[in-house]
Protein backbone atom coordinates (compact mmCIF):
# COMPACT_ATOMS: atom_id res chain seq x y z
CA ARG A 1 14.37 10.94 -18.91
CA HIS A 2 17.59 12.20 -20.37
CA ALA A 3 21.18 13.00 -19.29
CA VAL A 4 23.23 16.17 -19.29
CA VAL A 5 26.93 16.60 -19.93
CA ALA A 6 29.01 19.44 -18.45
CA VAL A 7 31.87 20.83 -20.58
CA VAL A 8 33.51 22.56 -17.63
CA ASN A 9 35.92 25.34 -18.47
CA TYR A 10 38.39 27.04 -16.15
CA GLY A 11 41.30 29.21 -17.25
CA GLY A 12 41.20 27.92 -20.84
CA LYS A 13 41.14 24.20 -19.78
CA ILE A 14 38.42 21.58 -19.82
CA LEU A 15 37.69 19.18 -16.92
CA ILE A 16 37.71 15.51 -17.74
CA GLY A 17 37.37 12.52 -15.39
CA LYS A 18 38.45 8.88 -15.44
CA LYS A 19 35.51 6.60 -14.53
CA ARG A 20 36.33 4.06 -11.81
CA SER A 21 37.68 0.82 -13.29
CA ASP A 22 35.34 -1.30 -11.20
CA SER A 23 32.21 0.52 -12.52
CA PRO A 24 29.77 -1.71 -14.36
CA LYS A 25 29.12 1.11 -16.90
CA PHE A 26 30.37 1.54 -20.52
CA LEU A 27 32.86 4.24 -19.40
CA ALA A 28 34.59 2.13 -16.74
CA GLY A 29 38.33 2.97 -16.73
CA LYS A 30 37.92 5.54 -19.53
CA TRP A 31 38.41 9.31 -19.61
CA HIS A 32 35.22 11.26 -20.29
CA VAL A 33 33.46 14.59 -19.93
CA PRO A 34 31.31 14.52 -16.70
CA GLY A 35 27.67 13.80 -17.19
CA GLU A 36 24.64 13.05 -15.05
CA ASN A 37 21.12 11.68 -15.35
CA VAL A 38 18.46 14.27 -14.87
CA GLU A 39 16.24 13.28 -11.94
CA GLU A 40 12.52 13.75 -11.81
CA LYS A 41 11.46 17.41 -11.37
CA GLU A 42 15.04 18.55 -11.84
CA SER A 43 16.02 21.11 -14.52
CA ASP A 44 19.03 20.51 -16.76
CA GLU A 45 20.88 23.29 -14.94
CA GLU A 46 20.18 21.70 -11.49
CA ALA A 47 21.40 18.28 -12.71
CA LEU A 48 24.59 19.83 -14.17
CA ILE A 49 25.39 21.69 -10.87
CA ARG A 50 24.64 18.61 -8.81
CA GLY A 51 26.52 16.25 -11.06
CA VAL A 52 29.76 18.28 -11.20
CA ARG A 53 29.61 18.87 -7.43
CA GLU A 54 29.29 15.05 -6.91
CA GLU A 55 31.94 14.07 -9.42
CA ALA A 56 34.49 16.84 -8.96
CA GLY A 57 33.57 18.76 -5.78
CA ILE A 58 33.45 22.15 -7.52
CA GLN A 59 30.75 24.72 -8.24
CA ILE A 60 29.88 25.79 -11.81
CA ASN A 61 27.88 28.32 -13.70
CA VAL A 62 25.93 26.80 -16.59
CA GLY A 63 26.37 28.51 -19.95
CA ARG A 64 25.08 27.73 -23.45
CA TYR A 65 23.62 24.59 -24.89
CA LEU A 66 26.15 22.93 -27.22
CA GLY A 67 24.31 19.96 -28.75
CA ASN A 68 23.30 16.44 -27.98
CA HIS A 69 23.96 12.79 -28.68
CA ILE A 70 22.33 9.45 -27.96
CA THR A 71 24.16 7.34 -25.36
CA PRO A 72 25.45 3.97 -26.72
CA THR A 73 24.17 1.70 -23.99
CA SER A 74 20.92 3.18 -22.61
CA LYS A 75 19.93 4.97 -25.85
CA LYS A 76 18.93 8.14 -24.01
CA GLU A 77 19.47 11.69 -25.16
CA ALA A 78 22.47 13.42 -23.55
CA LYS A 79 22.33 17.24 -23.77
CA TRP A 80 25.71 19.00 -23.65
CA TYR A 81 26.25 22.39 -22.03
CA GLU A 82 29.26 24.68 -21.81
CA CYS A 83 29.86 25.42 -18.06
CA PHE A 84 32.34 27.56 -16.12
CA ALA A 85 34.00 26.46 -12.87
CA THR A 86 34.45 28.95 -10.01
CA SER A 87 37.67 27.12 -9.02
CA ASP A 88 40.08 24.58 -10.47
CA GLU A 89 40.49 22.76 -7.18
CA ALA A 90 38.55 19.67 -8.37
CA VAL A 91 38.90 16.30 -6.61
CA PRO A 92 37.66 12.96 -7.83
CA GLY A 93 34.29 12.12 -6.25
CA SER A 94 31.45 9.61 -6.52
CA ASP A 95 32.51 7.42 -9.47
CA LEU A 96 35.83 8.93 -10.61
CA GLU A 97 39.41 7.67 -10.10
CA GLU A 98 41.20 10.77 -11.52
CA ILE A 99 40.54 14.29 -12.74
CA LEU A 100 42.48 16.37 -15.22
CA TRP A 101 42.21 19.92 -16.59
CA ILE A 102 43.41 19.83 -20.27
CA PRO A 103 43.33 22.13 -23.26
CA ARG A 104 40.06 21.93 -25.22
CA ARG A 105 41.77 20.60 -28.37
CA GLU A 106 43.19 17.68 -26.42
CA VAL A 107 39.83 16.38 -25.11
CA LEU A 108 39.09 14.15 -28.12
CA ASN A 109 42.49 12.54 -28.06
CA LYS A 110 42.46 11.92 -24.28
CA CYS A 111 38.90 10.53 -24.29
CA GLY A 112 39.66 8.36 -27.29
CA LEU A 113 37.65 7.18 -30.30
CA GLU A 114 35.75 4.53 -28.38
CA VAL A 115 34.13 7.29 -26.30
CA SER A 116 34.03 10.23 -28.70
CA ARG A 117 32.70 8.35 -31.76
CA HIS A 118 29.24 8.55 -30.13
CA TRP A 119 29.34 12.34 -29.88
CA SER A 120 27.52 14.55 -32.37
CA LYS A 121 29.20 16.74 -35.00
CA GLU A 122 28.41 19.90 -32.94
CA ILE A 123 30.31 18.42 -29.93
CA LEU A 124 33.22 17.24 -32.03
CA ASP A 125 33.41 20.70 -33.70
CA TYR A 126 33.42 22.40 -30.32
CA PHE A 127 36.53 20.44 -29.19
CA ASN A 128 38.19 20.90 -32.54
CA SER A 129 37.77 24.73 -32.57
CA PRO A 130 40.61 26.99 -31.45
């Protein structure tokens, strides 16, 4: 099994979420780009759509594959996809405390080195591009 990460765009901004502080996971209390484990018999696209709906309450259209990285704790592959929201009316769901829409070039700074140092060069380049 693997995970998927949704780089959700809307109006030139990217959706990030702050994981609940009481979560037992690595990202507890940290800002991150929403991701989801792919369930059995589920496609990457289905997992992305389900995950963003659960975490942010919005619908997305899945775009191109951006790259991948290996997660630091479970050592599973996380595949990143560029996605496009149909609305910016996101609300924190399931395991998030807060949600923000921020410019793409601010994502690395907001998520911080502890989170982004695990991301691949392709992902870092995507957030550093104009």
